[in-house]
Amino acid sequence: MKVTILFNRSEGYEEYPGANIEAELPKKKRRRKKKTDMEAIADALRALGHEPSLLAVDGRPQTLTRIARDSADLYFNLVESYGGDDKLVELDLSKLPEGMPRIAGYEVNFDVRTEAYRKTKSAPARDLDEETTERIQQAALTAYQALKLRDYGRIDLRLAENGRVYVIEANPNPWLDPTAEFAMAAKEGGRSYNDVIGEIVELAMRR
């Protein structure tokens, strides 16, 4: 099956979160160039027997014409904005610098120059009791269904000290990098990255 992967490309475009900031760092402090999420998805689709291709959505009318003329059987949409206009796994914030709020702001998520970025990592939450785990799963499922999401999504939650679960955000188009939280959670649940990409394609084809 021919699958076209749509992704953003506009002024300020980043191949992966934090890439533009990282480019400003001295060469010896930069990470080795990593595979982008669309490249990883394309590799997974190819391994599953599909024919992937990439198409950048950059806000130009010519791009829309190209999409309309494309012969793909399925579009894998990674687009979060058009022309730059865009109107759960546990994140351990305990090692943030003293006095910094325990929230995942820009410094935590993207700014590779900060101590907050270096000391905050995502990891599977393995120290939860069965009752708490069930409440978290139910909250995520309820939010997913209430917002009528489909195919896949990521529900970000916060667990209070009293055990209450708060829904912070529902992300219908989470970052699908193999090392990101969505893929990390899927792996914890027994799914490989290729399995996840394959399931997303299969769910879309059923509709």
Protein backbone atom coordinates (compact mmCIF):
# COMPACT_ATOMS: atom_id res chain seq x y z
CA MET A 1 0.00 0.00 0.00
CA LYS A 2 1.23 3.50 -0.85
CA VAL A 3 1.41 5.68 2.27
CA THR A 4 2.30 9.39 2.10
CA ILE A 5 3.62 10.85 5.35
CA LEU A 6 2.60 14.49 5.70
CA PHE A 7 4.78 16.65 7.95
CA ASN A 8 5.32 20.33 8.76
CA ARG A 9 7.98 22.45 7.16
CA SER A 10 7.90 26.20 7.63
CA GLU A 11 10.02 29.07 8.94
CA GLY A 12 11.52 27.95 12.23
CA TYR A 13 10.88 24.29 11.38
CA GLU A 14 12.65 21.80 13.64
CA GLU A 15 13.52 18.27 12.52
CA TYR A 16 12.96 17.25 16.13
CA PRO A 17 12.10 19.26 19.28
CA GLY A 18 15.06 21.37 20.33
CA ALA A 19 16.97 20.90 17.07
CA ASN A 20 17.20 24.62 16.30
CA ILE A 21 18.58 25.42 19.74
CA GLU A 22 21.00 22.50 19.52
CA ALA A 23 22.33 23.85 16.23
CA GLU A 24 23.55 26.92 18.12
CA LEU A 25 25.71 24.85 20.46
CA PRO A 26 29.42 24.21 19.85
CA LYS A 27 29.90 21.12 17.69
CA LYS A 28 31.44 19.07 20.50
CA LYS A 29 28.28 19.56 22.62
CA ARG A 30 25.81 18.58 19.92
CA ARG A 31 24.27 15.16 19.81
CA ARG A 32 24.87 12.94 16.82
CA LYS A 33 22.23 13.70 14.19
CA LYS A 34 19.27 11.52 15.01
CA LYS A 35 16.66 9.98 12.77
CA THR A 36 13.56 12.17 12.50
CA ASP A 37 10.11 10.85 13.43
CA MET A 38 9.00 10.79 9.78
CA GLU A 39 12.11 8.85 8.81
CA ALA A 40 11.46 6.35 11.61
CA ILE A 41 7.82 5.99 10.55
CA ALA A 42 8.85 5.51 6.92
CA ASP A 43 11.31 2.78 7.95
CA ALA A 44 8.60 1.05 10.00
CA LEU A 45 6.09 1.20 7.15
CA ARG A 46 8.69 -0.17 4.75
CA ALA A 47 9.41 -3.05 7.13
CA LEU A 48 5.67 -3.78 7.22
CA GLY A 49 5.56 -4.10 3.43
CA HIS A 50 4.18 -0.64 2.54
CA GLU A 51 5.54 1.96 0.13
CA PRO A 52 6.09 5.18 2.12
CA SER A 53 6.89 8.62 0.76
CA LEU A 54 7.36 12.00 2.46
CA LEU A 55 5.51 15.21 1.61
CA ALA A 56 6.26 18.48 3.41
CA VAL A 57 3.28 20.75 4.12
CA ASP A 58 4.78 24.25 4.08
CA GLY A 59 1.81 26.60 3.65
CA ARG A 60 2.22 27.19 -0.10
CA PRO A 61 -0.78 26.66 -2.47
CA GLN A 62 1.46 24.46 -4.62
CA THR A 63 1.71 22.01 -1.73
CA LEU A 64 -2.07 21.59 -1.53
CA THR A 65 -2.15 20.98 -5.28
CA ARG A 66 0.55 18.33 -4.91
CA ILE A 67 -1.43 16.60 -2.15
CA ALA A 68 -4.59 16.66 -4.28
CA ARG A 69 -2.71 15.00 -7.15
CA ASP A 70 -0.95 12.46 -4.94
CA SER A 71 -1.85 8.81 -5.59
CA ALA A 72 -1.43 7.51 -2.03
CA ASP A 73 -3.82 4.93 -0.61
CA LEU A 74 -3.40 6.42 2.86
CA TYR A 75 -2.04 9.62 4.40
CA PHE A 76 -0.12 9.43 7.67
CA ASN A 77 -0.68 12.90 9.10
CA LEU A 78 2.03 14.44 11.30
CA VAL A 79 0.98 18.01 10.49
CA GLU A 80 0.30 20.25 13.49
CA SER A 81 0.07 23.61 11.72
CA TYR A 82 -0.25 25.11 8.26
CA GLY A 83 2.38 27.61 7.21
CA GLY A 84 3.45 28.03 10.82
CA ASP A 85 -0.09 28.92 11.99
CA ASP A 86 -1.18 26.49 14.70
CA LYS A 87 -3.97 28.60 16.45
CA LEU A 88 0.64 9.85 30.54
CA VAL A 89 4.89 7.15 31.05
CA GLU A 90 6.10 9.42 33.97
CA LEU A 91 7.99 12.68 33.70
CA ASP A 92 10.22 12.96 36.75
CA LEU A 93 10.51 16.63 37.73
CA SER A 94 12.10 16.03 41.13
CA LYS A 95 15.59 17.11 40.01
CA LEU A 96 14.64 20.53 38.67
CA PRO A 97 16.67 23.42 40.10
CA GLU A 98 15.46 24.68 43.47
CA GLY A 99 12.68 27.22 43.15
CA MET A 100 11.63 26.16 39.65
CA PRO A 101 7.93 25.15 39.39
CA ARG A 102 7.40 21.41 38.91
CA ILE A 103 5.82 21.75 35.47
CA ALA A 104 7.07 20.72 32.03
CA GLY A 105 7.70 24.15 30.54
CA TYR A 106 9.82 25.04 27.51
CA GLU A 107 13.08 24.63 29.39
CA VAL A 108 12.15 21.09 30.44
CA ASN A 109 10.90 19.96 27.04
CA PHE A 110 13.10 21.62 24.44
CA ASP A 111 15.93 23.86 25.64
CA VAL A 112 18.97 21.58 25.58
CA ARG A 113 21.11 24.35 27.10
CA THR A 114 19.34 24.28 30.46
CA GLU A 115 19.90 22.23 33.59
CA ALA A 116 16.15 21.57 33.69
CA TYR A 117 16.31 19.79 30.31
CA ARG A 118 19.34 17.70 31.26
CA LYS A 119 17.90 16.54 34.57
CA THR A 120 14.34 15.76 33.50
CA LYS A 121 13.71 12.45 31.79
CA SER A 122 10.65 10.39 30.97
CA ALA A 123 10.49 6.83 32.22
CA PRO A 124 7.84 4.14 32.72
CA ALA A 125 5.95 4.58 36.01
CA ARG A 126 6.55 1.24 37.72
CA ASP A 127 5.90 2.08 41.37
CA LEU A 128 2.11 2.46 41.17
CA ASP A 129 -0.30 0.14 42.95
CA GLU A 130 -3.01 -1.68 41.01
CA GLU A 131 -5.84 0.62 42.15
CA THR A 132 -3.97 3.77 41.13
CA THR A 133 -3.03 2.24 37.79
CA GLU A 134 -6.67 1.39 37.08
CA ARG A 135 -7.81 4.93 37.94
CA ILE A 136 -5.15 6.40 35.64
CA GLN A 137 -6.16 4.10 32.79
CA GLN A 138 -9.84 4.89 33.27
CA ALA A 139 -9.19 8.65 33.32
CA ALA A 140 -7.17 8.42 30.12
CA LEU A 141 -9.79 6.28 28.38
CA THR A 142 -12.65 8.54 29.50
CA ALA A 143 -10.85 11.65 28.18
CA TYR A 144 -10.02 9.91 24.90
CA GLN A 145 -13.63 8.86 24.34
CA ALA A 146 -15.15 12.16 25.51
CA LEU A 147 -13.06 14.10 23.00
CA LYS A 148 -13.86 11.57 20.25
CA LEU A 149 -10.21 10.92 19.40
CA ARG A 150 -9.50 8.14 16.94
CA ASP A 151 -6.70 5.83 15.84
CA TYR A 152 -4.19 7.01 18.47
CA GLY A 153 -3.49 9.78 20.94
CA ARG A 154 -1.68 10.63 24.17
CA ILE A 155 -3.42 11.74 27.34
CA ASP A 156 -1.18 13.70 29.73
CA LEU A 157 -2.12 13.31 33.39
CA ARG A 158 -0.91 14.51 36.76
CA LEU A 159 -1.15 12.34 39.87
CA ALA A 160 -1.59 14.40 43.05
CA GLU A 161 -0.17 13.38 46.43
CA ASN A 162 -3.68 12.46 47.59
CA GLY A 163 -4.01 10.01 44.70
CA ARG A 164 -6.37 12.14 42.63
CA VAL A 165 -5.82 11.99 38.86
CA TYR A 166 -5.97 15.21 36.83
CA VAL A 167 -6.16 15.36 33.02
CA ILE A 168 -3.76 18.06 31.81
CA GLU A 169 -3.90 17.64 28.05
CA ALA A 170 -5.23 15.39 25.33
CA ASN A 171 -2.84 15.23 22.39
CA PRO A 172 -4.45 13.69 19.26
CA ASN A 173 -1.20 13.94 17.31
CA PRO A 174 1.65 13.11 19.73
CA TRP A 175 5.28 12.96 18.69
CA LEU A 176 5.88 9.53 17.19
CA ASP A 177 9.65 9.47 17.57
CA PRO A 178 10.80 5.95 18.63
CA THR A 179 12.32 7.41 21.81
CA ALA A 180 9.37 9.66 22.75
CA GLU A 181 6.76 8.99 25.44
CA PHE A 182 4.10 7.49 23.16
CA ALA A 183 6.42 4.81 21.78
CA MET A 184 7.92 4.30 25.23
CA ALA A 185 4.50 3.58 26.73
CA ALA A 186 3.62 1.26 23.85
CA LYS A 187 6.84 -0.70 24.38
CA GLU A 188 6.02 -1.03 28.07
CA GLY A 189 2.69 -2.51 27.00
CA GLY A 190 4.36 -5.10 24.78
CA ARG A 191 4.20 -3.35 21.39
CA SER A 192 7.26 -2.71 19.26
CA TYR A 193 7.58 0.56 17.33
CA ASN A 194 6.74 -1.24 14.09
CA ASP A 195 3.68 -2.78 15.78
CA VAL A 196 2.44 0.67 16.78
CA ILE A 197 2.84 2.17 13.31
CA GLY A 198 1.19 -0.89 11.78
CA GLU A 199 -1.79 -0.68 14.13
CA ILE A 200 -2.31 3.01 13.37
CA VAL A 201 -2.40 2.23 9.65
CA GLU A 202 -4.77 -0.71 10.14
CA LEU A 203 -7.19 1.34 12.28
CA ALA A 204 -7.27 4.10 9.66
CA MET A 205 -7.89 1.61 6.85
CA ARG A 206 -10.90 0.13 8.68
CA ARG A 207 -12.73 3.44 8.60
